Amino acid sequence: MFKGSVDGKVGPLDIEFTLRGGFDFAGEDKWSSETQVPLGTPVSGYDAKGDVHGWQIGSELWLRYPLAQDLTLPLLVRLDYQAQKRDGDGPDWGTAAGNRFAYKDEQESLALTVGGGMDKEFGKRRGSPLVSTTTISGRERISLRPSLTRGVGDDR
């Protein structure tokens, strides 16, 4: 994960900008399911294992306008983007025993947060009742593939 910030003043306005991001390194993913349709029939399911890969980036812009020595009006604009891919496979069990189950899942999300409030400094601490609005946009694509066993003794 990386993070960098710059800050400064324009007249009485304090400005702070932060950019951050990073990669999801070699994560593990597990996906299990049990199904019984209709009720009373034998239960079947799968236990799949796989990998997670992805990245994220985001930024924050803080603007603070001073009203008094220890009182400011802040405005926050924050934007975050994240993308993740998960994939894996594993054996079916129960009524589907002998088959394999493979999956692939791709997720993307974009979040915009805009907020404002009032900052009050109490000694070295700052209290900030911040009111914010978040707009989230997301997309997910899932691919599920049951398949016949590739061969006797193949446990991939």
Foldseek 3Di string as FASTA:
>chain_A
DDKDKDWDDDVQKTKIKMKDKDKDPWDKDWDKDWDDPPPPDKIKIWIKIWTKIWMKIKMKMKIWHDPDPFKIKIKIKMKMKIKMKIWIKFAIDIPRGQKMKIKIKIKIKMKIKIWIFMWGDDPPDIDTPIDMDMDMDMDMDMDMDIGGHPDPPDGD
